[in-house]
């Protein structure tokens, strides 16, 4: 968290100059990562502050027609969901994910980003006792970006938890096992 917030300082747009879209996107990315680190440390105040700052920068990125970073409000919204899960509010995490994943901006994210998020949100589904939704999230992630599911230890862990929880979606049982 400290490293990311320190790295943001020189990128924060000064009131006297027009912000550079790439600088805005990088600063917002660093703030998002710092917020997730704060959530891991269960620092709710810092998490909320950092996510809100990232959201303001993401909105600025969206206003620049020449922005090619791909960073925007949807990335911050997904980070809010992950932060909620890390802070122990898995119901909120799932609700934020469902709201964000139904928009067009979700489909424009890189496949690997969407799959990685689905793997992370599968854990939130498990934590609220919904192993069917967790299984569907993993199947969807595998369809989007198979390498993310088959190579990430978090995916293997979530898959094992889903399989231990009881009957699973047929697609999950039919999917090739993650590589060891």
N, C-alpha and C. Protein backbone atom coordinates (compact mmCIF):
# COMPACT_ATOMS: atom_id res chain seq x y z
N UNK A 1 0.83 -1.18 0.00
CA UNK A 1 0.00 0.00 0.00
C UNK A 1 0.88 1.25 0.00
N UNK A 2 1.90 1.23 0.85
CA UNK A 2 2.79 2.39 0.93
C UNK A 2 3.54 2.61 -0.38
N UNK A 3 3.99 1.53 -0.99
CA UNK A 3 4.74 1.67 -2.25
C UNK A 3 3.85 2.26 -3.34
N UNK A 4 2.62 1.78 -3.43
CA UNK A 4 1.72 2.27 -4.48
C UNK A 4 1.34 3.73 -4.24
N UNK A 5 1.05 4.10 -3.01
CA UNK A 5 0.65 5.49 -2.76
C UNK A 5 1.83 6.44 -2.94
N UNK A 6 3.04 5.97 -2.65
CA UNK A 6 4.23 6.80 -2.89
C UNK A 6 4.45 6.99 -4.38
N UNK A 7 4.25 5.93 -5.14
CA UNK A 7 4.45 6.02 -6.60
C UNK A 7 3.41 6.90 -7.27
N UNK A 8 2.25 7.07 -6.65
CA UNK A 8 1.18 7.89 -7.24
C UNK A 8 1.52 9.38 -7.17
N UNK A 9 2.21 9.80 -6.14
CA UNK A 9 2.44 11.24 -5.93
C UNK A 9 2.93 11.99 -7.16
N UNK A 10 3.97 11.53 -7.83
CA UNK A 10 4.42 12.31 -9.00
C UNK A 10 3.45 12.25 -10.19
N UNK A 11 2.52 11.32 -10.16
CA UNK A 11 1.57 11.18 -11.26
C UNK A 11 0.29 11.97 -11.04
N UNK A 12 -0.01 12.31 -9.79
CA UNK A 12 -1.22 13.08 -9.50
C UNK A 12 -1.21 14.36 -10.31
N UNK A 13 -2.29 14.61 -11.04
CA UNK A 13 -2.31 15.81 -11.88
C UNK A 13 -2.30 17.09 -11.04
N UNK A 14 -1.40 17.96 -11.38
CA UNK A 14 -1.34 19.26 -10.70
C UNK A 14 -2.47 20.13 -11.24
N UNK A 15 -3.01 21.00 -10.39
CA UNK A 15 -4.12 21.85 -10.85
C UNK A 15 -3.73 22.78 -12.00
N UNK A 16 -2.44 23.00 -12.20
CA UNK A 16 -2.00 23.96 -13.21
C UNK A 16 -1.72 23.34 -14.57
N UNK A 17 -1.79 22.01 -14.68
CA UNK A 17 -1.50 21.39 -15.98
C UNK A 17 -2.59 20.41 -16.36
N UNK A 18 -2.73 20.24 -17.66
CA UNK A 18 -3.70 19.28 -18.18
C UNK A 18 -3.16 17.87 -17.93
N UNK A 19 -3.96 17.00 -17.32
CA UNK A 19 -3.47 15.66 -17.03
C UNK A 19 -3.26 14.84 -18.30
N UNK A 20 -2.24 14.03 -18.29
CA UNK A 20 -1.95 13.13 -19.40
C UNK A 20 -2.73 11.84 -19.15
N UNK A 21 -3.54 11.37 -20.12
CA UNK A 21 -4.37 10.19 -19.89
C UNK A 21 -3.60 8.98 -19.36
N UNK A 22 -2.40 8.73 -19.90
CA UNK A 22 -1.63 7.58 -19.43
C UNK A 22 -1.24 7.74 -17.97
N UNK A 23 -0.91 8.97 -17.55
CA UNK A 23 -0.59 9.23 -16.15
C UNK A 23 -1.81 9.01 -15.26
N UNK A 24 -2.97 9.45 -15.73
CA UNK A 24 -4.21 9.24 -14.98
C UNK A 24 -4.47 7.75 -14.79
N UNK A 25 -4.34 6.99 -15.86
CA UNK A 25 -4.61 5.55 -15.80
C UNK A 25 -3.61 4.86 -14.88
N UNK A 26 -2.34 5.23 -14.97
CA UNK A 26 -1.34 4.62 -14.09
C UNK A 26 -1.60 4.99 -12.64
N UNK A 27 -1.90 6.24 -12.38
CA UNK A 27 -2.20 6.67 -11.00
C UNK A 27 -3.43 5.94 -10.47
N UNK A 28 -4.46 5.81 -11.29
CA UNK A 28 -5.67 5.12 -10.86
C UNK A 28 -5.39 3.64 -10.59
N UNK A 29 -4.56 3.03 -11.43
CA UNK A 29 -4.19 1.63 -11.23
C UNK A 29 -3.44 1.47 -9.91
N UNK A 30 -2.49 2.36 -9.65
CA UNK A 30 -1.75 2.29 -8.39
C UNK A 30 -2.67 2.49 -7.19
N UNK A 31 -3.61 3.42 -7.30
CA UNK A 31 -4.55 3.65 -6.19
C UNK A 31 -5.45 2.44 -5.98
N UNK A 32 -5.84 1.79 -7.06
CA UNK A 32 -6.66 0.59 -6.95
C UNK A 32 -5.89 -0.52 -6.24
N UNK A 33 -4.64 -0.69 -6.63
CA UNK A 33 -3.81 -1.72 -5.99
C UNK A 33 -3.59 -1.38 -4.50
N UNK A 34 -3.38 -0.11 -4.21
CA UNK A 34 -3.21 0.31 -2.81
C UNK A 34 -4.49 0.04 -2.02
N UNK A 35 -5.64 0.28 -2.63
CA UNK A 35 -6.92 0.02 -1.96
C UNK A 35 -7.09 -1.46 -1.66
N UNK A 36 -6.71 -2.31 -2.60
CA UNK A 36 -6.80 -3.75 -2.37
C UNK A 36 -5.85 -4.19 -1.26
N UNK A 37 -4.67 -3.57 -1.22
CA UNK A 37 -3.74 -3.87 -0.13
C UNK A 37 -4.31 -3.41 1.21
N UNK A 38 -4.92 -2.25 1.23
CA UNK A 38 -5.54 -1.75 2.46
C UNK A 38 -6.67 -2.67 2.90
N UNK A 39 -7.44 -3.18 1.95
CA UNK A 39 -8.52 -4.11 2.29
C UNK A 39 -7.96 -5.40 2.88
N UNK A 40 -6.84 -5.86 2.35
CA UNK A 40 -6.20 -7.06 2.88
C UNK A 40 -5.77 -6.83 4.34
N UNK A 41 -5.39 -5.60 4.65
CA UNK A 41 -5.00 -5.23 6.02
C UNK A 41 -6.22 -4.83 6.87
N UNK A 42 -7.41 -4.97 6.31
CA UNK A 42 -8.68 -4.63 6.97
C UNK A 42 -8.70 -3.18 7.43
N UNK A 43 -8.19 -2.31 6.58
CA UNK A 43 -8.21 -0.86 6.83
C UNK A 43 -9.32 -0.27 5.96
N UNK A 44 -10.53 -0.26 6.51
CA UNK A 44 -11.70 0.18 5.75
C UNK A 44 -11.62 1.63 5.32
N UNK A 45 -11.14 2.48 6.21
CA UNK A 45 -11.07 3.91 5.89
C UNK A 45 -10.12 4.15 4.72
N UNK A 46 -8.94 3.57 4.78
CA UNK A 46 -7.97 3.73 3.69
C UNK A 46 -8.50 3.10 2.40
N UNK A 47 -9.13 1.94 2.52
CA UNK A 47 -9.69 1.28 1.34
C UNK A 47 -10.69 2.19 0.64
N UNK A 48 -11.63 2.72 1.41
CA UNK A 48 -12.65 3.59 0.81
C UNK A 48 -12.04 4.84 0.20
N UNK A 49 -11.09 5.46 0.90
CA UNK A 49 -10.46 6.68 0.39
C UNK A 49 -9.70 6.40 -0.91
N UNK A 50 -8.93 5.34 -0.94
CA UNK A 50 -8.12 5.02 -2.12
C UNK A 50 -9.01 4.64 -3.31
N UNK A 51 -10.05 3.86 -3.06
CA UNK A 51 -10.96 3.48 -4.14
C UNK A 51 -11.68 4.71 -4.69
N UNK A 52 -12.10 5.60 -3.79
CA UNK A 52 -12.77 6.82 -4.25
C UNK A 52 -11.85 7.69 -5.09
N UNK A 53 -10.59 7.80 -4.68
CA UNK A 53 -9.61 8.56 -5.48
C UNK A 53 -9.42 7.91 -6.84
N UNK A 54 -9.31 6.59 -6.86
CA UNK A 54 -9.15 5.87 -8.13
C UNK A 54 -10.38 6.08 -9.02
N UNK A 55 -11.56 6.09 -8.41
CA UNK A 55 -12.79 6.30 -9.19
C UNK A 55 -12.81 7.67 -9.85
N UNK A 56 -12.35 8.69 -9.12
CA UNK A 56 -12.31 10.04 -9.71
C UNK A 56 -11.34 10.06 -10.90
N UNK A 57 -10.20 9.43 -10.76
CA UNK A 57 -9.24 9.39 -11.88
C UNK A 57 -9.78 8.56 -13.04
N UNK A 58 -10.45 7.46 -12.72
CA UNK A 58 -11.03 6.61 -13.77
C UNK A 58 -12.08 7.38 -14.56
N UNK A 59 -12.87 8.19 -13.87
CA UNK A 59 -13.86 9.01 -14.56
C UNK A 59 -13.16 10.01 -15.49
N UNK A 60 -12.03 10.55 -15.03
CA UNK A 60 -11.26 11.47 -15.89
C UNK A 60 -10.71 10.74 -17.10
N UNK A 61 -10.25 9.50 -16.90
CA UNK A 61 -9.74 8.71 -18.03
C UNK A 61 -10.83 8.52 -19.08
N UNK A 62 -12.04 8.26 -18.61
CA UNK A 62 -13.16 8.02 -19.52
C UNK A 62 -13.52 9.26 -20.33
N UNK A 63 -13.18 10.45 -19.81
CA UNK A 63 -13.50 11.70 -20.50
C UNK A 63 -12.51 12.03 -21.62
N UNK A 64 -11.36 11.35 -21.64
CA UNK A 64 -10.34 11.64 -22.65
C UNK A 64 -10.52 10.73 -23.85
N UNK A 65 -10.87 11.28 -25.00
CA UNK A 65 -11.08 10.44 -26.18
C UNK A 65 -9.80 9.78 -26.67
N UNK A 66 -8.65 10.33 -26.32
CA UNK A 66 -7.38 9.76 -26.78
C UNK A 66 -6.79 8.78 -25.79
N UNK A 67 -7.55 8.41 -24.77
CA UNK A 67 -7.06 7.46 -23.77
C UNK A 67 -7.10 6.05 -24.36
N UNK A 68 -5.95 5.41 -24.39
CA UNK A 68 -5.88 4.05 -24.91
C UNK A 68 -5.49 3.06 -23.82
N UNK A 69 -5.56 3.50 -22.56
CA UNK A 69 -5.11 2.65 -21.45
C UNK A 69 -6.06 1.50 -21.16
N UNK A 70 -7.34 1.67 -21.48
CA UNK A 70 -8.31 0.65 -21.13
C UNK A 70 -8.78 0.74 -19.69
N UNK A 71 -8.21 1.68 -18.94
CA UNK A 71 -8.61 1.85 -17.55
C UNK A 71 -9.85 2.72 -17.52
N UNK A 72 -10.81 2.32 -16.72
CA UNK A 72 -12.02 3.12 -16.60
C UNK A 72 -12.79 2.74 -15.36
N UNK A 73 -13.96 3.30 -15.22
CA UNK A 73 -14.77 3.04 -14.02
C UNK A 73 -15.07 1.57 -13.76
N UNK A 74 -15.20 0.75 -14.80
CA UNK A 74 -15.48 -0.67 -14.58
C UNK A 74 -14.36 -1.35 -13.80
N UNK A 75 -13.13 -0.96 -14.04
CA UNK A 75 -12.00 -1.54 -13.31
C UNK A 75 -12.10 -1.19 -11.83
N UNK A 76 -12.47 0.03 -11.54
CA UNK A 76 -12.62 0.45 -10.15
C UNK A 76 -13.80 -0.28 -9.51
N UNK A 77 -14.88 -0.45 -10.24
CA UNK A 77 -16.03 -1.16 -9.70
C UNK A 77 -15.69 -2.61 -9.36
N UNK A 78 -14.91 -3.25 -10.21
CA UNK A 78 -14.49 -4.62 -9.92
C UNK A 78 -13.56 -4.65 -8.71
N UNK A 79 -12.70 -3.64 -8.59
CA UNK A 79 -11.83 -3.56 -7.41
C UNK A 79 -12.65 -3.34 -6.14
N UNK A 80 -13.72 -2.57 -6.24
CA UNK A 80 -14.62 -2.40 -5.08
C UNK A 80 -15.19 -3.75 -4.63
N UNK A 81 -15.56 -4.58 -5.60
CA UNK A 81 -16.08 -5.91 -5.27
C UNK A 81 -15.02 -6.75 -4.57
N UNK A 82 -13.82 -6.75 -5.09
CA UNK A 82 -12.75 -7.53 -4.47
C UNK A 82 -12.38 -6.98 -3.10
N UNK A 83 -12.38 -5.66 -2.96
CA UNK A 83 -12.10 -5.05 -1.67
C UNK A 83 -13.17 -5.45 -0.65
N UNK A 84 -14.43 -5.45 -1.07
CA UNK A 84 -15.51 -5.85 -0.17
C UNK A 84 -15.29 -7.29 0.30
N UNK A 85 -14.90 -8.17 -0.62
CA UNK A 85 -14.63 -9.56 -0.25
C UNK A 85 -13.47 -9.65 0.74
N UNK A 86 -12.42 -8.91 0.49
CA UNK A 86 -11.26 -8.93 1.40
C UNK A 86 -11.60 -8.37 2.77
N UNK A 87 -12.57 -7.47 2.80
CA UNK A 87 -13.01 -6.89 4.07
C UNK A 87 -14.07 -7.77 4.75
N UNK A 88 -14.43 -8.88 4.11
CA UNK A 88 -15.35 -9.83 4.71
C UNK A 88 -16.81 -9.63 4.36
N UNK A 89 -17.13 -8.68 3.50
CA UNK A 89 -18.52 -8.46 3.10
C UNK A 89 -18.75 -9.12 1.75
N UNK A 90 -18.87 -10.44 1.78
CA UNK A 90 -18.98 -11.21 0.54
C UNK A 90 -20.32 -11.01 -0.17
N UNK A 91 -21.39 -10.73 0.57
CA UNK A 91 -22.67 -10.44 -0.07
C UNK A 91 -22.55 -9.17 -0.91
N UNK A 92 -21.92 -8.14 -0.34
CA UNK A 92 -21.70 -6.91 -1.11
C UNK A 92 -20.80 -7.18 -2.30
N UNK A 93 -19.76 -7.97 -2.11
CA UNK A 93 -18.84 -8.29 -3.20
C UNK A 93 -19.58 -8.93 -4.37
N UNK A 94 -20.43 -9.89 -4.06
CA UNK A 94 -21.19 -10.57 -5.11
C UNK A 94 -22.15 -9.59 -5.79
N UNK A 95 -22.83 -8.76 -5.01
CA UNK A 95 -23.77 -7.79 -5.58
C UNK A 95 -23.05 -6.80 -6.49
N UNK A 96 -21.89 -6.29 -6.05
CA UNK A 96 -21.12 -5.36 -6.88
C UNK A 96 -20.66 -6.04 -8.16
N UNK A 97 -20.19 -7.28 -8.04
CA UNK A 97 -19.75 -8.03 -9.22
C UNK A 97 -20.91 -8.20 -10.21
N UNK A 98 -22.07 -8.63 -9.71
CA UNK A 98 -23.20 -8.87 -10.59
C UNK A 98 -23.63 -7.60 -11.31
N UNK A 99 -23.63 -6.49 -10.60
CA UNK A 99 -24.00 -5.21 -11.21
C UNK A 99 -23.00 -4.81 -12.28
N UNK A 100 -21.72 -4.97 -11.99
CA UNK A 100 -20.67 -4.55 -12.93
C UNK A 100 -20.57 -5.47 -14.13
N UNK A 101 -20.71 -6.77 -13.91
CA UNK A 101 -20.52 -7.74 -15.00
C UNK A 101 -21.66 -7.77 -16.01
N UNK A 102 -22.74 -7.07 -15.73
CA UNK A 102 -23.85 -7.07 -16.71
C UNK A 102 -23.74 -5.91 -17.69
N UNK A 103 -22.75 -5.04 -17.53
CA UNK A 103 -22.61 -3.89 -18.41
C UNK A 103 -21.71 -4.16 -19.61
N UNK A 104 -21.82 -3.29 -20.59
CA UNK A 104 -20.99 -3.41 -21.80
C UNK A 104 -19.50 -3.25 -21.50
N UNK A 105 -19.17 -2.42 -20.53
CA UNK A 105 -17.76 -2.17 -20.21
C UNK A 105 -17.08 -3.46 -19.76
N UNK A 106 -17.80 -4.34 -19.09
CA UNK A 106 -17.26 -5.64 -18.66
C UNK A 106 -16.78 -6.43 -19.87
N UNK A 107 -17.56 -6.45 -20.94
CA UNK A 107 -17.21 -7.21 -22.14
C UNK A 107 -16.00 -6.64 -22.86
N UNK A 108 -15.73 -5.35 -22.67
CA UNK A 108 -14.58 -4.72 -23.33
C UNK A 108 -13.27 -4.92 -22.58
N UNK A 109 -13.35 -5.44 -21.36
CA UNK A 109 -12.11 -5.71 -20.61
C UNK A 109 -11.36 -6.87 -21.27
N UNK A 110 -10.05 -6.90 -21.12
CA UNK A 110 -9.30 -8.05 -21.65
C UNK A 110 -9.81 -9.35 -21.02
N UNK A 111 -9.80 -10.41 -21.80
CA UNK A 111 -10.30 -11.71 -21.34
C UNK A 111 -9.62 -12.15 -20.05
N UNK A 112 -8.31 -11.94 -19.97
CA UNK A 112 -7.57 -12.37 -18.78
C UNK A 112 -8.03 -11.62 -17.53
N UNK A 113 -8.35 -10.35 -17.70
CA UNK A 113 -8.84 -9.55 -16.57
C UNK A 113 -10.19 -10.08 -16.09
N UNK A 114 -11.09 -10.35 -17.03
CA UNK A 114 -12.40 -10.87 -16.66
C UNK A 114 -12.28 -12.24 -15.99
N UNK A 115 -11.45 -13.11 -16.55
CA UNK A 115 -11.29 -14.45 -15.97
C UNK A 115 -10.67 -14.38 -14.58
N UNK A 116 -9.66 -13.56 -14.40
CA UNK A 116 -9.03 -13.42 -13.09
C UNK A 116 -10.04 -12.92 -12.06
N UNK A 117 -10.87 -11.96 -12.47
CA UNK A 117 -11.88 -11.45 -11.55
C UNK A 117 -12.90 -12.55 -11.21
N UNK A 118 -13.32 -13.32 -12.18
CA UNK A 118 -14.27 -14.40 -11.93
C UNK A 118 -13.70 -15.43 -10.96
N UNK A 119 -12.42 -15.71 -11.07
CA UNK A 119 -11.78 -16.62 -10.13
C UNK A 119 -11.84 -16.05 -8.72
N UNK A 120 -11.53 -14.77 -8.61
CA UNK A 120 -11.57 -14.12 -7.29
C UNK A 120 -12.99 -14.08 -6.73
N UNK A 121 -13.97 -13.80 -7.57
CA UNK A 121 -15.34 -13.68 -7.08
C UNK A 121 -15.92 -15.06 -6.78
N UNK A 122 -15.36 -16.11 -7.37
CA UNK A 122 -15.81 -17.48 -7.03
C UNK A 122 -15.61 -17.73 -5.54
N UNK A 123 -14.52 -17.23 -4.99
CA UNK A 123 -14.27 -17.39 -3.55
C UNK A 123 -15.35 -16.68 -2.73
N UNK A 124 -15.78 -15.50 -3.18
CA UNK A 124 -16.84 -14.79 -2.46
C UNK A 124 -18.14 -15.59 -2.52
N UNK A 125 -18.43 -16.17 -3.68
CA UNK A 125 -19.63 -17.02 -3.79
C UNK A 125 -19.54 -18.19 -2.81
N UNK A 126 -18.37 -18.80 -2.72
CA UNK A 126 -18.19 -19.91 -1.78
C UNK A 126 -18.40 -19.44 -0.34
N UNK A 127 -17.89 -18.28 -0.03
CA UNK A 127 -17.98 -17.77 1.34
C UNK A 127 -19.41 -17.41 1.75
N UNK A 128 -20.29 -17.16 0.77
CA UNK A 128 -21.70 -16.94 1.11
C UNK A 128 -22.51 -18.23 0.98
N UNK A 129 -21.83 -19.33 0.69
CA UNK A 129 -22.50 -20.63 0.63
C UNK A 129 -23.13 -20.97 -0.71
N UNK A 130 -22.75 -20.29 -1.76
CA UNK A 130 -23.33 -20.53 -3.08
C UNK A 130 -22.29 -21.19 -3.98
N UNK A 131 -22.10 -22.51 -3.76
CA UNK A 131 -21.09 -23.20 -4.56
C UNK A 131 -21.50 -23.38 -6.01
N UNK A 132 -22.80 -23.34 -6.30
CA UNK A 132 -23.23 -23.43 -7.70
C UNK A 132 -22.77 -22.20 -8.49
N UNK A 133 -22.95 -21.01 -7.90
CA UNK A 133 -22.50 -19.78 -8.59
C UNK A 133 -20.98 -19.74 -8.67
N UNK A 134 -20.32 -20.25 -7.64
CA UNK A 134 -18.86 -20.31 -7.69
C UNK A 134 -18.41 -21.20 -8.83
N UNK A 135 -19.06 -22.35 -8.98
CA UNK A 135 -18.73 -23.26 -10.08
C UNK A 135 -18.99 -22.62 -11.44
N UNK A 136 -20.13 -21.92 -11.56
CA UNK A 136 -20.43 -21.24 -12.84
C UNK A 136 -19.39 -20.16 -13.14
N UNK A 137 -18.94 -19.46 -12.11
CA UNK A 137 -17.92 -18.43 -12.33
C UNK A 137 -16.64 -19.06 -12.86
N UNK A 138 -16.27 -20.21 -12.30
CA UNK A 138 -15.04 -20.88 -12.76
C UNK A 138 -15.20 -21.41 -14.18
N UNK A 139 -16.37 -21.96 -14.51
CA UNK A 139 -16.61 -22.45 -15.87
C UNK A 139 -16.55 -21.30 -16.86
N UNK A 140 -17.17 -20.18 -16.50
CA UNK A 140 -17.15 -19.01 -17.38
C UNK A 140 -15.72 -18.50 -17.56
N UNK A 141 -14.97 -18.45 -16.46
CA UNK A 141 -13.57 -18.00 -16.54
C UNK A 141 -12.77 -18.93 -17.45
N UNK A 142 -13.02 -20.23 -17.35
CA UNK A 142 -12.30 -21.20 -18.19
C UNK A 142 -12.64 -21.02 -19.66
N UNK A 143 -13.87 -20.65 -19.96
CA UNK A 143 -14.25 -20.41 -21.36
C UNK A 143 -13.61 -19.13 -21.89
N UNK A 144 -13.47 -18.13 -21.02
CA UNK A 144 -12.93 -16.83 -21.43
C UNK A 144 -11.42 -16.89 -21.62
N UNK A 145 -10.73 -17.46 -20.62
CA UNK A 145 -9.26 -17.50 -20.65
C UNK A 145 -8.79 -18.75 -19.90
N UNK A 146 -8.74 -19.88 -20.59
CA UNK A 146 -8.42 -21.15 -19.93
C UNK A 146 -7.12 -21.14 -19.13
N UNK A 147 -6.11 -20.47 -19.63
CA UNK A 147 -4.83 -20.46 -18.91
C UNK A 147 -4.95 -19.84 -17.52
N UNK A 148 -5.80 -18.82 -17.39
CA UNK A 148 -5.99 -18.19 -16.08
C UNK A 148 -6.50 -19.21 -15.07
N UNK A 149 -7.44 -20.03 -15.49
CA UNK A 149 -8.06 -21.00 -14.58
C UNK A 149 -7.13 -22.18 -14.34
N UNK A 150 -6.46 -22.61 -15.35
CA UNK A 150 -5.68 -23.84 -15.25
C UNK A 150 -4.30 -23.65 -14.64
N UNK A 151 -3.84 -22.39 -14.57
CA UNK A 151 -2.50 -22.16 -14.04
C UNK A 151 -2.47 -21.42 -12.70
N UNK A 152 -3.52 -20.72 -12.36
CA UNK A 152 -3.52 -19.94 -11.12
C UNK A 152 -3.84 -20.82 -9.91
N UNK A 153 -2.99 -20.79 -8.89
CA UNK A 153 -3.28 -21.57 -7.68
C UNK A 153 -4.63 -21.21 -7.05
N UNK A 154 -5.02 -19.94 -7.11
CA UNK A 154 -6.31 -19.54 -6.54
C UNK A 154 -7.46 -20.25 -7.25
N UNK A 155 -7.33 -20.48 -8.55
CA UNK A 155 -8.38 -21.18 -9.30
C UNK A 155 -8.44 -22.64 -8.88
N UNK A 156 -7.29 -23.26 -8.72
CA UNK A 156 -7.27 -24.67 -8.29
C UNK A 156 -7.88 -24.80 -6.90
N UNK A 157 -7.57 -23.87 -6.03
CA UNK A 157 -8.12 -23.88 -4.68
C UNK A 157 -9.64 -23.71 -4.70
N UNK A 158 -10.12 -22.76 -5.50
CA UNK A 158 -11.57 -22.53 -5.60
C UNK A 158 -12.25 -23.75 -6.21
N UNK A 159 -11.64 -24.34 -7.23
CA UNK A 159 -12.22 -25.52 -7.86
C UNK A 159 -12.33 -26.66 -6.86
N UNK A 160 -11.29 -26.89 -6.09
CA UNK A 160 -11.33 -27.96 -5.08
C UNK A 160 -12.44 -27.69 -4.06
N UNK A 161 -12.60 -26.44 -3.65
CA UNK A 161 -13.65 -26.10 -2.68
C UNK A 161 -15.03 -26.32 -3.27
N UNK A 162 -15.21 -25.97 -4.55
CA UNK A 162 -16.50 -26.18 -5.21
C UNK A 162 -16.81 -27.68 -5.28
N UNK A 163 -15.84 -28.46 -5.66
CA UNK A 163 -16.06 -29.90 -5.80
C UNK A 163 -16.35 -30.56 -4.45
N UNK A 164 -15.70 -30.09 -3.39
CA UNK A 164 -15.96 -30.61 -2.03
C UNK A 164 -17.34 -30.21 -1.52
N UNK A 165 -17.89 -29.10 -2.02
CA UNK A 165 -19.15 -28.56 -1.50
C UNK A 165 -20.37 -29.36 -1.90
N UNK A 166 -20.27 -30.19 -2.91
CA UNK A 166 -21.43 -30.97 -3.31
C UNK A 166 -21.59 -31.01 -4.81
N UNK A 167 -22.82 -31.35 -5.25
CA UNK A 167 -23.07 -31.44 -6.69
C UNK A 167 -22.66 -30.15 -7.40
N UNK A 168 -22.07 -30.31 -8.56
CA UNK A 168 -21.55 -29.16 -9.30
C UNK A 168 -22.22 -29.07 -10.66
N UNK A 169 -22.12 -27.90 -11.29
CA UNK A 169 -22.62 -27.80 -12.66
C UNK A 169 -21.93 -28.83 -13.55
N UNK A 170 -22.67 -29.42 -14.47
CA UNK A 170 -22.11 -30.45 -15.34
C UNK A 170 -20.88 -29.95 -16.07
N UNK A 171 -20.88 -28.70 -16.49
CA UNK A 171 -19.73 -28.15 -17.21
C UNK A 171 -18.47 -28.20 -16.37
N UNK A 172 -18.61 -27.99 -15.07
CA UNK A 172 -17.45 -27.97 -14.19
C UNK A 172 -16.86 -29.36 -14.09
N UNK A 173 -17.71 -30.37 -13.96
CA UNK A 173 -17.21 -31.73 -13.85
C UNK A 173 -16.59 -32.19 -15.17
N UNK A 174 -17.06 -31.67 -16.29
CA UNK A 174 -16.56 -32.06 -17.61
C UNK A 174 -15.30 -31.30 -18.02
N UNK A 175 -15.01 -30.17 -17.34
CA UNK A 175 -13.86 -29.35 -17.71
C UNK A 175 -12.57 -30.12 -17.45
N UNK A 176 -11.56 -29.90 -18.30
CA UNK A 176 -10.27 -30.52 -18.04
C UNK A 176 -9.73 -30.04 -16.71
N UNK A 177 -9.07 -30.89 -15.95
CA UNK A 177 -8.54 -30.46 -14.67
C UNK A 177 -7.43 -29.44 -14.85
N UNK A 178 -7.28 -28.53 -13.88
CA UNK A 178 -6.18 -27.57 -13.95
C UNK A 178 -4.85 -28.30 -13.94
N UNK A 179 -3.89 -27.76 -14.63
CA UNK A 179 -2.54 -28.35 -14.65
C UNK A 179 -1.94 -28.31 -13.27
N UNK A 180 -1.18 -29.32 -12.96
CA UNK A 180 -0.52 -29.35 -11.65
C UNK A 180 0.76 -28.58 -11.65
